[in-house]
N, C-alpha and C. Protein backbone atom coordinates (compact mmCIF):
# COMPACT_ATOMS: atom_id res chain seq x y z
N UNK A 1 27.88 61.18 44.01
CA UNK A 1 28.88 60.26 44.53
C UNK A 1 28.46 59.84 45.94
N UNK A 2 28.55 58.55 46.21
CA UNK A 2 28.18 58.03 47.53
C UNK A 2 29.33 58.18 48.52
N UNK A 3 29.02 58.09 49.82
CA UNK A 3 30.06 58.22 50.84
C UNK A 3 31.16 57.16 50.71
N UNK A 4 32.37 57.56 51.08
CA UNK A 4 33.52 56.65 51.10
C UNK A 4 33.89 56.41 52.57
N UNK A 5 34.13 55.16 52.91
CA UNK A 5 34.44 54.76 54.28
C UNK A 5 35.83 54.16 54.32
N UNK A 6 36.56 54.44 55.39
CA UNK A 6 37.89 53.88 55.57
C UNK A 6 37.98 53.09 56.86
N UNK A 7 38.79 52.06 56.86
CA UNK A 7 39.04 51.23 58.04
C UNK A 7 40.54 51.30 58.34
N UNK A 8 40.87 51.61 59.59
CA UNK A 8 42.27 51.60 60.01
C UNK A 8 42.44 50.54 61.09
N UNK A 9 43.63 50.00 61.16
CA UNK A 9 43.98 49.03 62.19
C UNK A 9 45.28 49.51 62.82
N UNK A 10 45.23 49.80 64.10
CA UNK A 10 46.39 50.33 64.83
C UNK A 10 46.96 51.58 64.14
N UNK A 11 46.06 52.43 63.64
CA UNK A 11 46.47 53.70 63.03
C UNK A 11 46.93 53.60 61.59
N UNK A 12 46.89 52.41 61.00
CA UNK A 12 47.33 52.22 59.61
C UNK A 12 46.11 51.91 58.74
N UNK A 13 45.97 52.63 57.64
CA UNK A 13 44.85 52.39 56.73
C UNK A 13 44.93 50.98 56.16
N UNK A 14 43.84 50.22 56.31
CA UNK A 14 43.81 48.85 55.80
C UNK A 14 42.96 48.71 54.55
N UNK A 15 41.89 49.50 54.46
CA UNK A 15 41.04 49.44 53.28
C UNK A 15 40.11 50.64 53.27
N UNK A 16 39.63 51.00 52.09
CA UNK A 16 38.55 51.98 51.99
C UNK A 16 37.68 51.60 50.81
N UNK A 17 36.42 52.00 50.88
CA UNK A 17 35.47 51.62 49.84
C UNK A 17 34.32 52.62 49.83
N UNK A 18 33.60 52.68 48.71
CA UNK A 18 32.43 53.52 48.58
C UNK A 18 31.20 52.71 48.99
N UNK A 19 30.30 53.34 49.73
CA UNK A 19 29.05 52.68 50.06
C UNK A 19 28.27 52.48 48.77
N UNK A 20 27.45 51.45 48.72
CA UNK A 20 26.75 51.12 47.48
C UNK A 20 25.27 51.52 47.50
N UNK A 21 24.80 52.09 48.61
CA UNK A 21 23.40 52.48 48.70
C UNK A 21 23.25 53.62 49.70
N UNK A 22 22.14 54.34 49.61
CA UNK A 22 21.87 55.39 50.59
C UNK A 22 21.08 54.85 51.78
N UNK A 23 20.69 53.59 51.73
CA UNK A 23 19.98 52.94 52.83
C UNK A 23 20.97 52.26 53.77
N UNK A 24 20.53 51.99 55.01
CA UNK A 24 21.36 51.22 55.92
C UNK A 24 21.59 49.85 55.30
N UNK A 25 22.82 49.39 55.33
CA UNK A 25 23.19 48.14 54.66
C UNK A 25 24.33 47.51 55.43
N UNK A 26 24.38 46.21 55.49
CA UNK A 26 25.45 45.51 56.19
C UNK A 26 26.60 45.24 55.21
N UNK A 27 27.78 45.72 55.55
CA UNK A 27 28.99 45.47 54.77
C UNK A 27 29.86 44.50 55.56
N UNK A 28 30.42 43.51 54.90
CA UNK A 28 31.26 42.52 55.56
C UNK A 28 32.66 42.61 54.98
N UNK A 29 33.64 42.80 55.85
CA UNK A 29 35.04 42.88 55.45
C UNK A 29 35.83 41.85 56.24
N UNK A 30 36.90 41.36 55.67
CA UNK A 30 37.77 40.42 56.37
C UNK A 30 39.16 41.03 56.48
N UNK A 31 39.64 41.17 57.70
CA UNK A 31 40.99 41.64 57.97
C UNK A 31 41.68 40.58 58.81
N UNK A 32 42.93 40.31 58.53
CA UNK A 32 43.70 39.34 59.30
C UNK A 32 44.45 40.07 60.40
N UNK A 33 44.28 39.60 61.64
CA UNK A 33 44.91 40.22 62.80
C UNK A 33 45.88 39.27 63.46
N UNK A 34 46.88 39.84 64.10
CA UNK A 34 47.76 39.04 64.94
C UNK A 34 47.13 38.97 66.33
N UNK A 35 47.59 38.05 67.16
CA UNK A 35 47.05 37.92 68.51
C UNK A 35 47.36 39.19 69.31
N UNK A 36 46.49 39.53 70.24
CA UNK A 36 46.70 40.69 71.10
C UNK A 36 45.73 41.81 70.83
N UNK A 37 45.80 42.87 71.64
CA UNK A 37 44.87 44.00 71.48
C UNK A 37 45.19 44.85 70.26
N UNK A 38 44.15 45.41 69.65
CA UNK A 38 44.28 46.26 68.47
C UNK A 38 43.31 47.42 68.58
N UNK A 39 43.59 48.49 67.86
CA UNK A 39 42.68 49.62 67.76
C UNK A 39 42.15 49.66 66.34
N UNK A 40 40.82 49.62 66.21
CA UNK A 40 40.17 49.65 64.90
C UNK A 40 39.50 51.01 64.73
N UNK A 41 39.72 51.64 63.58
CA UNK A 41 39.11 52.93 63.29
C UNK A 41 38.18 52.83 62.10
N UNK A 42 37.08 53.55 62.16
CA UNK A 42 36.08 53.59 61.08
C UNK A 42 35.86 55.07 60.76
N UNK A 43 36.06 55.48 59.51
CA UNK A 43 36.00 56.90 59.17
C UNK A 43 35.17 57.16 57.91
N UNK A 44 34.53 58.31 57.89
CA UNK A 44 33.81 58.83 56.73
C UNK A 44 34.79 59.74 56.01
N UNK A 45 35.20 59.38 54.79
CA UNK A 45 36.34 60.03 54.12
C UNK A 45 36.00 61.18 53.17
N UNK A 46 34.79 61.23 52.64
CA UNK A 46 34.55 62.24 51.61
C UNK A 46 33.32 63.12 51.92
N UNK A 47 33.34 63.75 53.07
CA UNK A 47 32.26 64.66 53.45
C UNK A 47 32.14 65.77 52.41
N UNK A 48 30.92 66.20 52.14
CA UNK A 48 30.71 67.24 51.14
C UNK A 48 29.44 68.01 51.49
N UNK A 49 29.50 69.33 51.40
CA UNK A 49 28.32 70.16 51.64
C UNK A 49 28.33 71.34 50.68
N UNK A 50 27.37 71.37 49.78
CA UNK A 50 27.13 72.49 48.87
C UNK A 50 25.64 72.50 48.61
N UNK A 51 24.89 73.29 49.39
CA UNK A 51 23.42 73.25 49.30
C UNK A 51 22.94 73.25 47.86
N UNK A 52 22.02 72.37 47.53
CA UNK A 52 21.24 71.53 48.44
C UNK A 52 21.88 70.16 48.73
N UNK A 53 23.06 69.88 48.17
CA UNK A 53 23.67 68.56 48.40
C UNK A 53 24.42 68.55 49.73
N UNK A 54 24.20 67.47 50.48
CA UNK A 54 24.88 67.28 51.77
C UNK A 54 25.17 65.79 51.91
N UNK A 55 26.41 65.39 51.63
CA UNK A 55 26.79 63.97 51.68
C UNK A 55 27.15 63.59 53.12
N UNK A 56 26.51 62.53 53.61
CA UNK A 56 26.75 62.07 54.98
C UNK A 56 26.83 60.55 55.01
N UNK A 57 27.39 60.04 56.08
CA UNK A 57 27.41 58.59 56.32
C UNK A 57 27.05 58.37 57.78
N UNK A 58 26.30 57.32 58.04
CA UNK A 58 25.92 56.97 59.41
C UNK A 58 26.32 55.53 59.68
N UNK A 59 26.89 55.31 60.85
CA UNK A 59 27.31 53.97 61.24
C UNK A 59 26.45 53.52 62.41
N UNK A 60 25.89 52.34 62.29
CA UNK A 60 25.03 51.82 63.35
C UNK A 60 25.83 50.98 64.33
N UNK A 61 26.73 50.15 63.82
CA UNK A 61 27.51 49.27 64.70
C UNK A 61 28.71 48.75 63.95
N UNK A 62 29.71 48.34 64.70
CA UNK A 62 30.89 47.67 64.15
C UNK A 62 31.05 46.38 64.94
N UNK A 63 30.89 45.26 64.26
CA UNK A 63 30.99 43.96 64.91
C UNK A 63 32.26 43.27 64.44
N UNK A 64 32.82 42.48 65.30
CA UNK A 64 33.99 41.71 64.91
C UNK A 64 33.90 40.34 65.55
N UNK A 65 34.61 39.41 64.99
CA UNK A 65 34.63 38.06 65.53
C UNK A 65 35.64 37.22 64.79
N UNK A 66 35.81 36.04 65.29
CA UNK A 66 36.75 35.12 64.66
C UNK A 66 36.10 34.50 63.44
N UNK A 67 36.90 34.35 62.40
CA UNK A 67 36.41 33.68 61.21
C UNK A 67 36.56 32.19 61.43
N UNK A 68 35.50 31.49 61.21
CA UNK A 68 35.54 30.04 61.39
C UNK A 68 36.17 29.39 60.18
N UNK A 69 37.01 28.43 60.45
CA UNK A 69 37.63 27.68 59.35
C UNK A 69 36.66 26.59 58.89
N UNK A 70 36.63 26.39 57.62
CA UNK A 70 35.81 25.34 57.03
C UNK A 70 36.50 24.01 57.25
N UNK A 71 35.81 23.09 57.89
CA UNK A 71 36.37 21.75 58.09
C UNK A 71 35.69 20.84 57.08
N UNK A 72 36.49 20.26 56.22
CA UNK A 72 35.96 19.34 55.21
C UNK A 72 35.92 17.96 55.85
N UNK A 73 34.69 17.45 55.99
CA UNK A 73 34.55 16.13 56.60
C UNK A 73 34.46 15.05 55.54
N UNK A 74 34.24 15.45 54.31
CA UNK A 74 34.18 14.49 53.23
C UNK A 74 33.98 15.22 51.92
N UNK A 75 34.42 14.66 50.86
CA UNK A 75 34.27 15.26 49.54
C UNK A 75 33.57 14.25 48.66
N UNK A 76 32.52 14.72 48.01
CA UNK A 76 31.79 13.83 47.10
C UNK A 76 31.78 14.45 45.72
N UNK A 77 31.78 13.63 44.72
CA UNK A 77 31.73 14.12 43.35
C UNK A 77 30.28 14.37 42.98
N UNK A 78 29.97 15.55 42.47
CA UNK A 78 28.64 15.88 41.99
C UNK A 78 28.54 15.37 40.56
N UNK A 79 27.62 14.45 40.30
CA UNK A 79 27.53 13.89 38.94
C UNK A 79 27.28 14.95 37.86
N UNK A 80 26.65 16.07 38.23
CA UNK A 80 26.36 17.12 37.24
C UNK A 80 27.49 18.11 37.07
N UNK A 81 28.52 18.05 37.91
CA UNK A 81 29.61 19.01 37.84
C UNK A 81 30.71 18.50 36.91
N UNK A 82 31.46 19.43 36.32
CA UNK A 82 32.59 18.99 35.50
C UNK A 82 33.60 18.23 36.35
N UNK A 83 34.39 17.35 35.75
CA UNK A 83 35.38 16.59 36.51
C UNK A 83 36.31 17.52 37.29
N UNK A 84 36.63 17.14 38.50
CA UNK A 84 37.55 17.91 39.32
C UNK A 84 36.89 18.99 40.15
N UNK A 85 35.55 19.10 40.13
CA UNK A 85 34.85 20.08 40.95
C UNK A 85 34.10 19.36 42.06
N UNK A 86 34.69 19.26 43.25
CA UNK A 86 34.03 18.58 44.36
C UNK A 86 32.93 19.44 44.97
N UNK A 87 31.98 18.82 45.64
CA UNK A 87 30.99 19.58 46.40
C UNK A 87 31.35 19.44 47.87
N UNK A 88 31.25 20.52 48.61
CA UNK A 88 31.64 20.54 50.02
C UNK A 88 30.49 21.11 50.82
N UNK A 89 30.15 20.47 51.94
CA UNK A 89 29.08 20.96 52.80
C UNK A 89 29.48 22.25 53.48
N UNK A 90 28.52 23.13 53.72
CA UNK A 90 28.78 24.40 54.40
C UNK A 90 27.54 24.81 55.18
N UNK A 91 27.64 25.88 55.92
CA UNK A 91 26.52 26.40 56.71
C UNK A 91 25.93 27.61 56.00
N UNK A 92 24.61 27.61 55.72
CA UNK A 92 23.99 28.76 55.06
C UNK A 92 24.22 30.05 55.85
N UNK A 93 24.51 31.13 55.15
CA UNK A 93 24.72 32.42 55.78
C UNK A 93 26.14 32.67 56.25
N UNK A 94 27.01 31.67 56.19
CA UNK A 94 28.40 31.83 56.60
C UNK A 94 29.26 32.04 55.36
N UNK A 95 30.34 32.80 55.51
CA UNK A 95 31.27 33.03 54.41
C UNK A 95 32.48 32.14 54.58
N UNK A 96 32.99 31.63 53.49
CA UNK A 96 34.17 30.77 53.51
C UNK A 96 35.15 31.22 52.44
N UNK A 97 36.42 31.01 52.69
CA UNK A 97 37.45 31.26 51.70
C UNK A 97 37.98 29.91 51.27
N UNK A 98 37.95 29.67 49.99
CA UNK A 98 38.43 28.39 49.46
C UNK A 98 39.69 28.66 48.65
N UNK A 99 40.76 27.96 48.98
CA UNK A 99 42.01 28.10 48.24
C UNK A 99 42.23 26.83 47.43
N UNK A 100 42.71 27.00 46.23
CA UNK A 100 42.89 25.88 45.32
C UNK A 100 44.36 25.77 44.95
N UNK A 101 44.85 24.54 44.90
CA UNK A 101 46.23 24.28 44.50
C UNK A 101 46.25 23.05 43.62
N UNK A 102 47.16 22.99 42.65
CA UNK A 102 47.20 21.81 41.77
C UNK A 102 47.59 20.55 42.55
N UNK A 103 48.31 20.70 43.65
CA UNK A 103 48.66 19.55 44.47
C UNK A 103 49.03 20.05 45.86
N UNK A 104 48.98 19.17 46.82
CA UNK A 104 49.34 19.51 48.19
C UNK A 104 50.48 18.62 48.66
N UNK A 105 51.40 19.16 49.46
CA UNK A 105 52.44 18.32 50.03
C UNK A 105 51.77 17.29 50.96
N UNK A 106 52.37 16.13 51.11
CA UNK A 106 51.81 15.06 51.94
C UNK A 106 51.53 15.56 53.36
N UNK A 107 52.37 16.45 53.91
CA UNK A 107 52.16 16.95 55.26
C UNK A 107 50.87 17.73 55.38
N UNK A 108 50.46 18.47 54.32
CA UNK A 108 49.21 19.25 54.34
C UNK A 108 48.01 18.32 54.18
N UNK A 109 48.13 17.29 53.39
CA UNK A 109 47.02 16.36 53.18
C UNK A 109 46.70 15.66 54.49
N UNK A 110 47.72 15.28 55.25
CA UNK A 110 47.51 14.60 56.51
C UNK A 110 46.84 15.54 57.51
N UNK A 111 47.13 16.85 57.44
CA UNK A 111 46.55 17.82 58.38
C UNK A 111 45.08 18.06 58.11
N UNK A 112 44.63 17.84 56.88
CA UNK A 112 43.23 18.06 56.57
C UNK A 112 42.39 16.98 57.21
C-alpha cells in the first residue's frame, strides 16, 4: 500500500489521497479559499513499520497560487467535431475548469 496524504485548511480536513508512485511526483489539487489568511496543513496519514517494510512519504514543497480564469475571446466551430462542441483557445500546461449549462441567463451571457 502506498502512502496516504491529507490536506487540512484552517484545521479542517479538506481532502486525502493515496500517492500513485514511489518516485517524487507533482500532485495538483484545487481548493477554494475565502479572502484572508489561512493555515494549510500537509500530513502523512498511514505510517507503517514492520521490518523489512517501512512506509514513508517525503514532501519537497507546497506551492499555492491563484487559479486563472479562462477568458473566452471567441468560439469557433471545429468542422470535425460533433455539433455543439466548440473549440476554445487555452495555454499549454495550464489547467482549466469548464462548466456546461443547457442555457445561460441573459445577465451571464453579457458578463462573458
